[in-house]
N, C-alpha and C. Protein backbone atom coordinates (compact mmCIF):
# COMPACT_ATOMS: atom_id res chain seq x y z
N MET A 1 0.82 -12.40 12.03
CA MET A 1 1.89 -11.42 12.10
C MET A 1 3.19 -12.06 12.56
N SER A 2 4.30 -11.45 12.16
CA SER A 2 5.61 -11.93 12.56
C SER A 2 5.78 -11.82 14.07
N PRO A 3 6.49 -12.77 14.67
CA PRO A 3 6.75 -12.67 16.11
C PRO A 3 7.63 -11.47 16.46
N PHE A 4 8.28 -10.88 15.47
CA PHE A 4 9.12 -9.71 15.71
C PHE A 4 8.32 -8.40 15.63
N ALA A 5 7.10 -8.46 15.10
CA ALA A 5 6.29 -7.25 14.96
C ALA A 5 5.64 -6.87 16.29
N PRO A 6 5.40 -5.58 16.52
CA PRO A 6 4.74 -5.18 17.76
C PRO A 6 3.28 -5.60 17.76
N THR A 7 2.73 -5.81 18.94
CA THR A 7 1.29 -6.04 19.05
C THR A 7 0.56 -4.71 18.87
N PHE A 8 -0.74 -4.79 18.69
CA PHE A 8 -1.52 -3.56 18.52
C PHE A 8 -1.31 -2.62 19.70
N GLU A 9 -1.28 -3.18 20.90
CA GLU A 9 -1.16 -2.36 22.10
C GLU A 9 0.20 -1.68 22.22
N ARG A 10 1.19 -2.17 21.51
CA ARG A 10 2.55 -1.62 21.61
C ARG A 10 2.95 -0.79 20.39
N LEU A 11 1.98 -0.45 19.55
CA LEU A 11 2.30 0.43 18.43
C LEU A 11 2.70 1.81 18.95
N PRO A 12 3.67 2.46 18.33
CA PRO A 12 4.19 3.72 18.85
C PRO A 12 3.23 4.89 18.61
N ALA A 13 3.42 5.95 19.37
CA ALA A 13 2.58 7.14 19.21
C ALA A 13 2.88 7.89 17.93
N SER A 14 4.14 7.81 17.46
CA SER A 14 4.51 8.52 16.24
C SER A 14 5.34 7.60 15.35
N ILE A 15 5.25 7.86 14.03
CA ILE A 15 6.00 7.07 13.05
C ILE A 15 6.49 7.99 11.93
N PRO A 16 7.61 7.65 11.29
CA PRO A 16 8.00 8.37 10.08
C PRO A 16 7.08 7.95 8.94
N VAL A 17 6.86 8.86 7.99
CA VAL A 17 6.02 8.52 6.84
C VAL A 17 6.76 8.78 5.54
N PHE A 18 6.45 7.95 4.57
CA PHE A 18 7.07 8.00 3.24
C PHE A 18 5.96 8.31 2.24
N PRO A 19 5.80 9.57 1.82
CA PRO A 19 4.72 9.92 0.90
C PRO A 19 5.06 9.52 -0.54
N LEU A 20 4.20 8.71 -1.14
CA LEU A 20 4.39 8.30 -2.53
C LEU A 20 3.04 8.20 -3.22
N THR A 21 2.91 8.88 -4.33
CA THR A 21 1.66 8.84 -5.09
C THR A 21 1.45 7.48 -5.73
N GLY A 22 0.24 6.96 -5.60
CA GLY A 22 -0.12 5.72 -6.28
C GLY A 22 0.46 4.46 -5.69
N VAL A 23 1.08 4.56 -4.52
CA VAL A 23 1.67 3.39 -3.87
C VAL A 23 0.78 2.97 -2.72
N LEU A 24 0.45 1.69 -2.69
CA LEU A 24 -0.47 1.15 -1.70
C LEU A 24 0.20 0.03 -0.93
N LEU A 25 0.09 0.09 0.39
CA LEU A 25 0.51 -1.00 1.26
C LEU A 25 -0.69 -1.42 2.08
N LEU A 26 -0.88 -2.74 2.24
CA LEU A 26 -1.99 -3.27 3.01
C LEU A 26 -1.46 -4.22 4.08
N PRO A 27 -2.20 -4.41 5.17
CA PRO A 27 -1.76 -5.32 6.23
C PRO A 27 -1.44 -6.71 5.68
N ARG A 28 -0.31 -7.25 6.13
CA ARG A 28 0.19 -8.58 5.78
C ARG A 28 0.68 -8.69 4.33
N ALA A 29 0.70 -7.61 3.59
CA ALA A 29 1.26 -7.61 2.24
C ALA A 29 2.68 -7.05 2.29
N ARG A 30 3.45 -7.31 1.24
CA ARG A 30 4.84 -6.86 1.19
C ARG A 30 5.04 -5.88 0.05
N LEU A 31 5.76 -4.81 0.34
CA LEU A 31 5.99 -3.74 -0.62
C LEU A 31 7.49 -3.49 -0.78
N PRO A 32 8.07 -3.79 -1.96
CA PRO A 32 9.48 -3.45 -2.20
C PRO A 32 9.61 -1.98 -2.57
N LEU A 33 10.65 -1.33 -2.08
CA LEU A 33 10.87 0.09 -2.33
C LEU A 33 12.33 0.35 -2.67
N ASN A 34 12.53 1.30 -3.58
CA ASN A 34 13.85 1.76 -3.97
C ASN A 34 14.01 3.18 -3.40
N VAL A 35 14.86 3.33 -2.41
CA VAL A 35 14.99 4.60 -1.69
C VAL A 35 16.29 5.27 -2.10
N PHE A 36 16.18 6.53 -2.56
CA PHE A 36 17.40 7.22 -3.03
C PHE A 36 17.47 8.67 -2.59
N GLU A 37 16.34 9.29 -2.23
CA GLU A 37 16.37 10.70 -1.82
C GLU A 37 17.04 10.81 -0.45
N PRO A 38 17.95 11.79 -0.25
CA PRO A 38 18.72 11.86 1.00
C PRO A 38 17.87 11.83 2.27
N ARG A 39 16.77 12.57 2.31
CA ARG A 39 15.98 12.60 3.55
C ARG A 39 15.35 11.24 3.85
N TYR A 40 15.03 10.47 2.79
CA TYR A 40 14.43 9.16 3.04
C TYR A 40 15.48 8.08 3.26
N LEU A 41 16.70 8.31 2.77
CA LEU A 41 17.81 7.47 3.20
C LEU A 41 18.02 7.62 4.71
N ALA A 42 17.92 8.86 5.18
CA ALA A 42 18.04 9.11 6.62
C ALA A 42 16.90 8.44 7.39
N MET A 43 15.71 8.48 6.82
CA MET A 43 14.56 7.83 7.46
C MET A 43 14.79 6.33 7.62
N VAL A 44 15.32 5.68 6.58
CA VAL A 44 15.59 4.25 6.66
C VAL A 44 16.66 3.97 7.71
N GLN A 45 17.70 4.79 7.74
CA GLN A 45 18.75 4.60 8.74
C GLN A 45 18.20 4.70 10.15
N ASP A 46 17.36 5.70 10.39
CA ASP A 46 16.78 5.87 11.72
C ASP A 46 15.81 4.74 12.05
N SER A 47 15.09 4.28 11.05
CA SER A 47 14.15 3.18 11.27
C SER A 47 14.88 1.90 11.65
N LEU A 48 15.99 1.63 10.95
CA LEU A 48 16.78 0.43 11.26
C LEU A 48 17.35 0.49 12.68
N ALA A 49 17.66 1.70 13.13
CA ALA A 49 18.22 1.87 14.47
C ALA A 49 17.13 1.85 15.55
N GLY A 50 15.85 1.90 15.12
CA GLY A 50 14.75 1.96 16.08
C GLY A 50 13.80 0.79 15.94
N ASP A 51 12.51 1.10 15.80
CA ASP A 51 11.50 0.04 15.79
C ASP A 51 11.21 -0.53 14.40
N ARG A 52 11.89 0.00 13.37
CA ARG A 52 11.77 -0.48 11.99
C ARG A 52 10.38 -0.23 11.39
N LEU A 53 9.64 0.72 11.91
CA LEU A 53 8.30 1.00 11.39
C LEU A 53 8.33 2.26 10.51
N ILE A 54 7.68 2.16 9.35
CA ILE A 54 7.56 3.28 8.41
C ILE A 54 6.13 3.29 7.88
N GLY A 55 5.52 4.46 7.84
CA GLY A 55 4.17 4.57 7.31
C GLY A 55 4.18 4.99 5.85
N MET A 56 3.45 4.25 5.04
CA MET A 56 3.26 4.63 3.64
C MET A 56 1.97 5.44 3.53
N ILE A 57 2.04 6.55 2.81
CA ILE A 57 0.87 7.42 2.69
C ILE A 57 0.97 8.20 1.38
N GLN A 58 -0.16 8.57 0.83
CA GLN A 58 -0.17 9.32 -0.42
C GLN A 58 -0.32 10.82 -0.13
N PRO A 59 0.37 11.65 -0.91
CA PRO A 59 0.07 13.09 -0.84
C PRO A 59 -1.30 13.35 -1.45
N VAL A 60 -1.95 14.41 -1.00
CA VAL A 60 -3.28 14.72 -1.52
C VAL A 60 -3.20 15.08 -3.00
N GLU A 61 -2.16 15.83 -3.38
CA GLU A 61 -1.97 16.21 -4.77
C GLU A 61 -0.90 15.31 -5.39
N PRO A 62 -1.28 14.45 -6.35
CA PRO A 62 -0.33 13.49 -6.92
C PRO A 62 0.93 14.17 -7.48
N GLY A 63 2.07 13.56 -7.17
CA GLY A 63 3.33 14.02 -7.72
C GLY A 63 4.06 15.07 -6.91
N THR A 64 3.42 15.66 -5.91
CA THR A 64 4.05 16.74 -5.16
C THR A 64 5.13 16.24 -4.21
N GLU A 65 5.20 14.93 -3.97
CA GLU A 65 6.20 14.43 -3.03
C GLU A 65 7.61 14.56 -3.57
N THR A 66 7.77 14.82 -4.88
CA THR A 66 9.12 14.93 -5.45
C THR A 66 9.74 16.30 -5.21
N ASP A 67 8.95 17.26 -4.74
CA ASP A 67 9.46 18.61 -4.48
C ASP A 67 9.89 18.70 -3.02
N SER A 68 11.21 18.66 -2.79
CA SER A 68 11.72 18.67 -1.42
C SER A 68 11.62 20.03 -0.76
N SER A 69 11.22 21.06 -1.53
CA SER A 69 11.13 22.40 -0.95
C SER A 69 9.81 22.63 -0.23
N ILE A 70 8.85 21.72 -0.42
CA ILE A 70 7.55 21.86 0.23
C ILE A 70 7.17 20.54 0.88
N ASP A 71 6.26 20.62 1.83
CA ASP A 71 5.68 19.42 2.43
C ASP A 71 4.20 19.41 2.05
N PRO A 72 3.85 18.73 0.96
CA PRO A 72 2.46 18.75 0.51
C PRO A 72 1.53 18.09 1.51
N PRO A 73 0.26 18.50 1.53
CA PRO A 73 -0.71 17.86 2.42
C PRO A 73 -0.79 16.36 2.15
N LEU A 74 -1.02 15.61 3.21
CA LEU A 74 -1.08 14.16 3.11
C LEU A 74 -2.51 13.66 3.25
N ALA A 75 -2.79 12.51 2.65
CA ALA A 75 -4.08 11.86 2.83
C ALA A 75 -4.27 11.56 4.32
N GLY A 76 -5.51 11.41 4.73
CA GLY A 76 -5.79 11.22 6.15
C GLY A 76 -5.44 9.85 6.69
N VAL A 77 -5.37 8.84 5.80
CA VAL A 77 -5.14 7.46 6.22
C VAL A 77 -3.96 6.88 5.44
N GLY A 78 -3.09 6.19 6.16
CA GLY A 78 -1.98 5.46 5.55
C GLY A 78 -1.89 4.08 6.14
N CYS A 79 -0.84 3.35 5.78
CA CYS A 79 -0.63 2.02 6.34
C CYS A 79 0.83 1.91 6.78
N CYS A 80 1.02 1.46 8.00
CA CYS A 80 2.36 1.29 8.56
C CYS A 80 2.90 -0.09 8.21
N GLY A 81 4.16 -0.13 7.83
CA GLY A 81 4.82 -1.40 7.57
C GLY A 81 6.07 -1.54 8.41
N ARG A 82 6.49 -2.77 8.58
CA ARG A 82 7.74 -3.04 9.30
C ARG A 82 8.82 -3.37 8.28
N LEU A 83 9.98 -2.75 8.43
CA LEU A 83 11.09 -2.96 7.52
C LEU A 83 11.66 -4.37 7.77
N THR A 84 11.42 -5.27 6.81
CA THR A 84 11.80 -6.67 7.00
C THR A 84 12.90 -7.14 6.05
N ALA A 85 13.28 -6.31 5.09
CA ALA A 85 14.42 -6.65 4.23
C ALA A 85 15.13 -5.37 3.84
N PHE A 86 16.45 -5.46 3.74
CA PHE A 86 17.26 -4.26 3.51
C PHE A 86 18.52 -4.65 2.75
N ALA A 87 18.85 -3.84 1.73
CA ALA A 87 20.11 -4.03 1.01
C ALA A 87 20.62 -2.67 0.54
N GLU A 88 21.93 -2.54 0.48
CA GLU A 88 22.57 -1.34 -0.05
C GLU A 88 23.00 -1.58 -1.49
N THR A 89 23.02 -0.51 -2.29
CA THR A 89 23.53 -0.61 -3.66
C THR A 89 24.83 0.19 -3.77
N ASP A 90 25.59 -0.11 -4.80
CA ASP A 90 26.87 0.57 -5.00
C ASP A 90 26.71 2.04 -5.36
N ASP A 91 25.51 2.42 -5.84
CA ASP A 91 25.29 3.82 -6.22
C ASP A 91 24.53 4.61 -5.16
N GLY A 92 24.51 4.10 -3.92
CA GLY A 92 24.00 4.89 -2.81
C GLY A 92 22.51 4.81 -2.56
N ARG A 93 21.88 3.75 -3.01
CA ARG A 93 20.45 3.56 -2.76
C ARG A 93 20.24 2.46 -1.72
N TYR A 94 19.05 2.45 -1.13
CA TYR A 94 18.62 1.34 -0.28
C TYR A 94 17.48 0.62 -0.98
N LEU A 95 17.54 -0.68 -1.01
CA LEU A 95 16.43 -1.51 -1.48
C LEU A 95 15.82 -2.17 -0.25
N ILE A 96 14.58 -1.83 0.05
CA ILE A 96 13.95 -2.31 1.28
C ILE A 96 12.62 -2.98 0.95
N THR A 97 12.14 -3.75 1.90
CA THR A 97 10.80 -4.33 1.82
C THR A 97 10.06 -3.99 3.11
N LEU A 98 8.85 -3.47 2.96
CA LEU A 98 7.99 -3.24 4.10
C LEU A 98 6.91 -4.31 4.14
N SER A 99 6.70 -4.88 5.31
CA SER A 99 5.62 -5.83 5.51
C SER A 99 4.49 -5.12 6.23
N GLY A 100 3.32 -5.06 5.58
CA GLY A 100 2.20 -4.29 6.10
C GLY A 100 1.75 -4.75 7.47
N LEU A 101 1.51 -3.79 8.35
CA LEU A 101 1.18 -4.09 9.74
C LEU A 101 -0.22 -3.61 10.10
N CYS A 102 -0.47 -2.31 9.98
CA CYS A 102 -1.74 -1.75 10.44
C CYS A 102 -1.93 -0.37 9.82
N ARG A 103 -3.17 -0.05 9.48
CA ARG A 103 -3.47 1.29 8.99
C ARG A 103 -3.49 2.30 10.15
N PHE A 104 -3.43 3.57 9.80
CA PHE A 104 -3.45 4.63 10.82
C PHE A 104 -4.10 5.88 10.24
N ARG A 105 -4.63 6.70 11.11
CA ARG A 105 -5.05 8.05 10.76
C ARG A 105 -4.03 9.03 11.31
N ILE A 106 -3.86 10.13 10.62
CA ILE A 106 -2.93 11.16 11.10
C ILE A 106 -3.62 12.04 12.14
N ARG A 107 -3.04 12.10 13.32
CA ARG A 107 -3.52 13.06 14.34
C ARG A 107 -2.96 14.44 14.04
N GLU A 108 -1.64 14.48 13.87
CA GLU A 108 -0.96 15.72 13.53
C GLU A 108 0.44 15.39 13.05
N GLU A 109 1.05 16.32 12.36
CA GLU A 109 2.42 16.14 11.90
C GLU A 109 3.38 16.79 12.89
N VAL A 110 4.53 16.16 13.10
CA VAL A 110 5.52 16.69 14.05
C VAL A 110 6.83 16.93 13.30
N SER A 111 7.61 17.85 13.80
CA SER A 111 8.87 18.21 13.14
C SER A 111 9.95 17.17 13.44
N THR A 112 10.91 17.07 12.54
CA THR A 112 12.04 16.18 12.72
C THR A 112 13.32 16.92 12.39
N MET A 113 14.43 16.35 12.78
CA MET A 113 15.74 16.98 12.57
C MET A 113 16.43 16.51 11.28
N ARG A 114 15.89 15.49 10.65
CA ARG A 114 16.61 14.86 9.53
C ARG A 114 15.91 15.02 8.19
N GLY A 115 14.91 15.91 8.12
CA GLY A 115 14.32 16.25 6.84
C GLY A 115 13.11 15.46 6.43
N TYR A 116 12.99 14.20 6.87
CA TYR A 116 11.82 13.42 6.50
C TYR A 116 10.64 13.76 7.40
N ARG A 117 9.46 13.27 7.05
CA ARG A 117 8.25 13.68 7.74
C ARG A 117 7.83 12.62 8.77
N ARG A 118 7.20 13.10 9.84
CA ARG A 118 6.79 12.22 10.94
C ARG A 118 5.42 12.67 11.43
N VAL A 119 4.59 11.70 11.80
CA VAL A 119 3.24 12.04 12.24
C VAL A 119 2.91 11.33 13.55
N MET A 120 1.99 11.94 14.30
CA MET A 120 1.36 11.27 15.42
C MET A 120 0.23 10.42 14.84
N ALA A 121 0.22 9.14 15.16
CA ALA A 121 -0.70 8.20 14.52
C ALA A 121 -1.83 7.81 15.45
N ASP A 122 -3.03 7.75 14.90
CA ASP A 122 -4.20 7.23 15.60
C ASP A 122 -4.48 5.84 15.04
N TRP A 123 -4.19 4.81 15.83
CA TRP A 123 -4.38 3.43 15.41
C TRP A 123 -5.77 2.90 15.74
N SER A 124 -6.47 3.58 16.61
CA SER A 124 -7.67 3.01 17.24
C SER A 124 -8.74 2.51 16.26
N PRO A 125 -8.95 3.16 15.08
CA PRO A 125 -10.00 2.62 14.20
C PRO A 125 -9.63 1.30 13.52
N PHE A 126 -8.37 0.85 13.66
CA PHE A 126 -7.89 -0.23 12.81
C PHE A 126 -7.35 -1.43 13.58
N ALA A 127 -7.84 -1.64 14.79
CA ALA A 127 -7.39 -2.81 15.56
C ALA A 127 -7.66 -4.11 14.82
N GLY A 128 -8.70 -4.12 14.00
CA GLY A 128 -9.04 -5.32 13.25
C GLY A 128 -8.01 -5.71 12.21
N ASP A 129 -7.10 -4.80 11.87
CA ASP A 129 -6.07 -5.12 10.89
C ASP A 129 -5.13 -6.21 11.38
N PHE A 130 -5.11 -6.45 12.68
CA PHE A 130 -4.23 -7.49 13.22
C PHE A 130 -4.85 -8.88 13.12
N ILE A 131 -6.08 -8.96 12.65
CA ILE A 131 -6.77 -10.25 12.52
C ILE A 131 -6.92 -10.58 11.04
N ALA A 132 -6.28 -11.64 10.60
CA ALA A 132 -6.36 -12.04 9.20
C ALA A 132 -7.76 -12.56 8.88
N PRO A 133 -8.37 -12.11 7.79
CA PRO A 133 -9.71 -12.58 7.45
C PRO A 133 -9.70 -14.02 6.97
N ALA A 134 -10.79 -14.72 7.22
CA ALA A 134 -10.94 -16.08 6.70
C ALA A 134 -11.26 -16.02 5.21
N ASP A 135 -10.93 -17.08 4.50
CA ASP A 135 -11.28 -17.16 3.09
C ASP A 135 -12.79 -17.24 2.92
N GLY A 136 -13.27 -16.74 1.79
CA GLY A 136 -14.71 -16.80 1.50
C GLY A 136 -15.38 -15.46 1.75
N GLY A 137 -16.60 -15.35 1.27
CA GLY A 137 -17.38 -14.15 1.54
C GLY A 137 -17.40 -13.14 0.41
N PHE A 138 -16.61 -13.38 -0.65
CA PHE A 138 -16.67 -12.49 -1.80
C PHE A 138 -16.56 -13.31 -3.07
N ASP A 139 -16.84 -12.70 -4.20
CA ASP A 139 -16.90 -13.40 -5.48
C ASP A 139 -15.50 -13.57 -6.07
N ARG A 140 -14.76 -14.55 -5.54
CA ARG A 140 -13.40 -14.79 -6.03
C ARG A 140 -13.41 -15.24 -7.49
N ALA A 141 -14.35 -16.11 -7.85
CA ALA A 141 -14.43 -16.58 -9.23
C ALA A 141 -14.69 -15.42 -10.18
N GLY A 142 -15.55 -14.49 -9.78
CA GLY A 142 -15.84 -13.33 -10.61
C GLY A 142 -14.62 -12.45 -10.79
N LEU A 143 -13.83 -12.28 -9.71
CA LEU A 143 -12.61 -11.48 -9.80
C LEU A 143 -11.61 -12.14 -10.74
N MET A 144 -11.40 -13.43 -10.59
CA MET A 144 -10.44 -14.12 -11.46
C MET A 144 -10.87 -14.04 -12.92
N ALA A 145 -12.18 -14.17 -13.16
CA ALA A 145 -12.68 -14.09 -14.54
C ALA A 145 -12.46 -12.71 -15.13
N ALA A 146 -12.62 -11.67 -14.32
CA ALA A 146 -12.45 -10.30 -14.81
C ALA A 146 -10.98 -9.95 -15.00
N LEU A 147 -10.10 -10.59 -14.22
CA LEU A 147 -8.68 -10.25 -14.30
C LEU A 147 -8.05 -10.67 -15.63
N ARG A 148 -8.53 -11.75 -16.22
CA ARG A 148 -7.92 -12.21 -17.47
C ARG A 148 -8.03 -11.17 -18.58
N PRO A 149 -9.23 -10.66 -18.90
CA PRO A 149 -9.28 -9.60 -19.92
C PRO A 149 -8.62 -8.31 -19.46
N TYR A 150 -8.66 -8.03 -18.16
CA TYR A 150 -8.03 -6.81 -17.64
C TYR A 150 -6.53 -6.83 -17.94
N PHE A 151 -5.86 -7.93 -17.60
CA PHE A 151 -4.42 -8.03 -17.83
C PHE A 151 -4.09 -8.12 -19.32
N THR A 152 -4.91 -8.83 -20.06
CA THR A 152 -4.66 -8.98 -21.49
C THR A 152 -4.71 -7.64 -22.20
N ARG A 153 -5.71 -6.82 -21.89
CA ARG A 153 -5.87 -5.53 -22.56
C ARG A 153 -4.74 -4.57 -22.20
N ARG A 154 -4.08 -4.80 -21.07
CA ARG A 154 -2.98 -3.93 -20.66
C ARG A 154 -1.62 -4.56 -20.92
N SER A 155 -1.62 -5.71 -21.57
CA SER A 155 -0.37 -6.42 -21.90
C SER A 155 0.48 -6.67 -20.66
N LEU A 156 -0.18 -7.02 -19.56
CA LEU A 156 0.51 -7.30 -18.31
C LEU A 156 0.69 -8.80 -18.14
N THR A 157 1.88 -9.22 -17.74
CA THR A 157 2.18 -10.63 -17.51
C THR A 157 2.05 -10.94 -16.02
N VAL A 158 1.32 -11.98 -15.70
CA VAL A 158 1.12 -12.35 -14.30
C VAL A 158 1.36 -13.85 -14.13
N ASN A 159 1.65 -14.24 -12.91
CA ASN A 159 1.81 -15.64 -12.55
C ASN A 159 0.44 -16.17 -12.12
N TRP A 160 -0.28 -16.75 -13.06
CA TRP A 160 -1.64 -17.18 -12.77
C TRP A 160 -1.68 -18.28 -11.71
N GLN A 161 -0.70 -19.14 -11.71
CA GLN A 161 -0.67 -20.21 -10.71
C GLN A 161 -0.56 -19.62 -9.30
N ALA A 162 0.29 -18.59 -9.16
CA ALA A 162 0.44 -17.96 -7.85
C ALA A 162 -0.86 -17.29 -7.41
N LEU A 163 -1.56 -16.65 -8.35
CA LEU A 163 -2.83 -16.01 -8.01
C LEU A 163 -3.87 -17.05 -7.62
N GLU A 164 -3.91 -18.15 -8.36
CA GLU A 164 -4.93 -19.16 -8.12
C GLU A 164 -4.73 -19.89 -6.79
N THR A 165 -3.49 -19.98 -6.33
CA THR A 165 -3.22 -20.68 -5.07
C THR A 165 -3.13 -19.74 -3.87
N ALA A 166 -3.19 -18.44 -4.11
CA ALA A 166 -3.11 -17.47 -3.01
C ALA A 166 -4.38 -17.51 -2.17
N SER A 167 -4.24 -17.14 -0.90
CA SER A 167 -5.43 -16.98 -0.07
C SER A 167 -6.24 -15.81 -0.59
N ASP A 168 -7.48 -15.69 -0.16
CA ASP A 168 -8.32 -14.58 -0.61
C ASP A 168 -7.66 -13.25 -0.27
N GLU A 169 -7.14 -13.12 0.95
CA GLU A 169 -6.51 -11.86 1.35
C GLU A 169 -5.28 -11.57 0.51
N GLN A 170 -4.45 -12.58 0.27
CA GLN A 170 -3.26 -12.39 -0.55
C GLN A 170 -3.62 -11.99 -1.97
N LEU A 171 -4.65 -12.61 -2.52
CA LEU A 171 -5.08 -12.30 -3.88
C LEU A 171 -5.54 -10.85 -3.99
N VAL A 172 -6.41 -10.44 -3.08
CA VAL A 172 -6.95 -9.08 -3.13
C VAL A 172 -5.84 -8.05 -2.91
N ALA A 173 -4.96 -8.31 -1.96
CA ALA A 173 -3.88 -7.37 -1.68
C ALA A 173 -2.93 -7.26 -2.88
N THR A 174 -2.59 -8.38 -3.48
CA THR A 174 -1.68 -8.37 -4.62
C THR A 174 -2.25 -7.56 -5.78
N ILE A 175 -3.52 -7.81 -6.10
CA ILE A 175 -4.14 -7.10 -7.22
C ILE A 175 -4.30 -5.62 -6.90
N ALA A 176 -4.74 -5.31 -5.69
CA ALA A 176 -4.95 -3.91 -5.31
C ALA A 176 -3.65 -3.12 -5.35
N MET A 177 -2.55 -3.73 -4.94
CA MET A 177 -1.28 -3.03 -4.87
C MET A 177 -0.58 -2.92 -6.22
N LEU A 178 -0.76 -3.93 -7.08
CA LEU A 178 0.01 -3.97 -8.32
C LEU A 178 -0.70 -3.36 -9.52
N CYS A 179 -2.03 -3.39 -9.54
CA CYS A 179 -2.74 -2.89 -10.71
C CYS A 179 -2.64 -1.37 -10.81
N PRO A 180 -2.63 -0.84 -12.04
CA PRO A 180 -2.45 0.60 -12.24
C PRO A 180 -3.73 1.41 -12.03
N PHE A 181 -4.30 1.31 -10.83
CA PHE A 181 -5.45 2.12 -10.49
C PHE A 181 -5.01 3.55 -10.23
N THR A 182 -5.96 4.48 -10.26
CA THR A 182 -5.63 5.87 -9.98
C THR A 182 -5.28 6.04 -8.50
N PRO A 183 -4.57 7.11 -8.13
CA PRO A 183 -4.29 7.34 -6.72
C PRO A 183 -5.56 7.39 -5.86
N ALA A 184 -6.62 7.99 -6.39
CA ALA A 184 -7.88 8.06 -5.63
C ALA A 184 -8.47 6.67 -5.42
N GLU A 185 -8.37 5.82 -6.44
CA GLU A 185 -8.88 4.46 -6.31
C GLU A 185 -8.05 3.66 -5.31
N LYS A 186 -6.73 3.85 -5.35
CA LYS A 186 -5.86 3.17 -4.38
C LYS A 186 -6.20 3.60 -2.95
N GLN A 187 -6.47 4.90 -2.78
CA GLN A 187 -6.81 5.40 -1.45
C GLN A 187 -8.14 4.81 -0.98
N ALA A 188 -9.09 4.71 -1.89
CA ALA A 188 -10.39 4.13 -1.53
C ALA A 188 -10.23 2.66 -1.12
N LEU A 189 -9.38 1.92 -1.82
CA LEU A 189 -9.13 0.53 -1.44
C LEU A 189 -8.49 0.45 -0.05
N LEU A 190 -7.57 1.35 0.24
CA LEU A 190 -6.94 1.38 1.56
C LEU A 190 -7.96 1.65 2.65
N GLU A 191 -8.86 2.58 2.40
CA GLU A 191 -9.79 3.02 3.43
C GLU A 191 -11.05 2.17 3.52
N ALA A 192 -11.17 1.14 2.70
CA ALA A 192 -12.33 0.25 2.81
C ALA A 192 -12.45 -0.24 4.25
N PRO A 193 -13.67 -0.32 4.77
CA PRO A 193 -13.82 -0.62 6.20
C PRO A 193 -13.32 -2.00 6.62
N ASP A 194 -13.37 -2.97 5.70
CA ASP A 194 -12.93 -4.32 6.05
C ASP A 194 -12.55 -5.07 4.77
N PHE A 195 -12.14 -6.31 4.95
CA PHE A 195 -11.67 -7.08 3.80
C PHE A 195 -12.77 -7.28 2.75
N ILE A 196 -13.96 -7.62 3.18
CA ILE A 196 -15.05 -7.85 2.23
C ILE A 196 -15.36 -6.58 1.45
N GLY A 197 -15.34 -5.43 2.12
CA GLY A 197 -15.55 -4.17 1.44
C GLY A 197 -14.47 -3.89 0.42
N ARG A 198 -13.23 -4.19 0.77
CA ARG A 198 -12.11 -3.96 -0.16
C ARG A 198 -12.20 -4.92 -1.35
N ALA A 199 -12.52 -6.19 -1.09
CA ALA A 199 -12.62 -7.16 -2.18
C ALA A 199 -13.74 -6.79 -3.14
N SER A 200 -14.87 -6.36 -2.61
CA SER A 200 -16.00 -5.98 -3.46
C SER A 200 -15.66 -4.74 -4.29
N MET A 201 -14.97 -3.78 -3.68
CA MET A 201 -14.56 -2.58 -4.41
C MET A 201 -13.55 -2.93 -5.50
N LEU A 202 -12.62 -3.82 -5.19
CA LEU A 202 -11.63 -4.24 -6.18
C LEU A 202 -12.31 -4.90 -7.37
N LEU A 203 -13.25 -5.79 -7.11
CA LEU A 203 -13.98 -6.45 -8.20
C LEU A 203 -14.68 -5.42 -9.08
N ALA A 204 -15.32 -4.44 -8.45
CA ALA A 204 -16.03 -3.41 -9.21
C ALA A 204 -15.06 -2.60 -10.07
N LEU A 205 -13.89 -2.25 -9.53
CA LEU A 205 -12.91 -1.47 -10.29
C LEU A 205 -12.39 -2.24 -11.50
N VAL A 206 -12.11 -3.53 -11.31
CA VAL A 206 -11.59 -4.34 -12.41
C VAL A 206 -12.67 -4.52 -13.48
N GLN A 207 -13.88 -4.83 -13.06
CA GLN A 207 -14.96 -5.02 -14.02
C GLN A 207 -15.25 -3.73 -14.79
N MET A 208 -15.23 -2.61 -14.10
CA MET A 208 -15.48 -1.33 -14.75
C MET A 208 -14.39 -1.03 -15.80
N ALA A 209 -13.14 -1.31 -15.45
CA ALA A 209 -12.04 -1.08 -16.40
C ALA A 209 -12.18 -1.98 -17.62
N VAL A 210 -12.60 -3.23 -17.42
CA VAL A 210 -12.78 -4.15 -18.54
C VAL A 210 -13.90 -3.66 -19.45
N HIS A 211 -15.00 -3.23 -18.86
CA HIS A 211 -16.13 -2.75 -19.65
C HIS A 211 -15.77 -1.49 -20.43
N GLU A 212 -15.02 -0.58 -19.80
CA GLU A 212 -14.61 0.64 -20.49
C GLU A 212 -13.69 0.32 -21.66
N SER A 213 -12.79 -0.66 -21.47
CA SER A 213 -11.90 -1.05 -22.56
C SER A 213 -12.69 -1.67 -23.71
N ALA A 214 -13.67 -2.50 -23.36
CA ALA A 214 -14.50 -3.14 -24.39
C ALA A 214 -15.31 -2.11 -25.15
N ASP A 215 -15.84 -1.11 -24.44
CA ASP A 215 -16.61 -0.05 -25.10
C ASP A 215 -15.71 0.75 -26.04
N GLY A 216 -14.47 1.00 -25.60
CA GLY A 216 -13.55 1.74 -26.45
C GLY A 216 -13.18 0.97 -27.71
N ASP A 217 -12.99 -0.34 -27.56
CA ASP A 217 -12.70 -1.17 -28.74
C ASP A 217 -13.86 -1.16 -29.71
N ALA A 218 -15.09 -1.25 -29.17
CA ALA A 218 -16.28 -1.27 -30.03
C ALA A 218 -16.43 0.04 -30.78
N ALA A 219 -16.08 1.15 -30.13
CA ALA A 219 -16.22 2.46 -30.76
C ALA A 219 -15.25 2.65 -31.91
N ARG A 220 -14.10 1.92 -31.87
CA ARG A 220 -13.10 2.07 -32.92
C ARG A 220 -13.38 1.18 -34.12
N HIS A 221 -14.38 0.28 -34.00
CA HIS A 221 -14.68 -0.63 -35.12
C HIS A 221 -15.90 -0.15 -35.90
């Protein structure tokens, strides 16, 4: 973790949350965001003036976060990131990067004065997020082999050299965050109990998608 990030013991009781469907942040991974809605511009401003922590979380019903007239129910688990890069645009947007810190459970939601949402966070189940896993323990070769047909069938361009030289944690986080899995699948990856569980689930999701694509191709011939 960055020397500027809080320790587990100094994580705050409450954090602002940014609900986005299909968006996944994991500990030690980086997530770029384009912020333009007024209430979330306010959230970024307040975060910059404070501890720079923002929680990423999915709404229970995909797509409901775009309706500012309601506060849709949120998933029970999210991941908090620290705002580590910030830029303004000429058309009134913020371009930010969150560096994943630790997952959290929602204790309860609290009211705010600036329109964005804030929750009381329970960090206790996720103290292990502050410990980077060692390499090994999952089928990395199998994942890399499955990724080639997965990306090819979706016409996705990737930097294979970067993937091949990444640590196991970096590889799993990159694929989990960038691949077009369903919101439910992204949530399951977030809530995996540990790195090995997440890596094994990711491998299963990629292999299943490859097999489904192959079956579909066979049916059309």
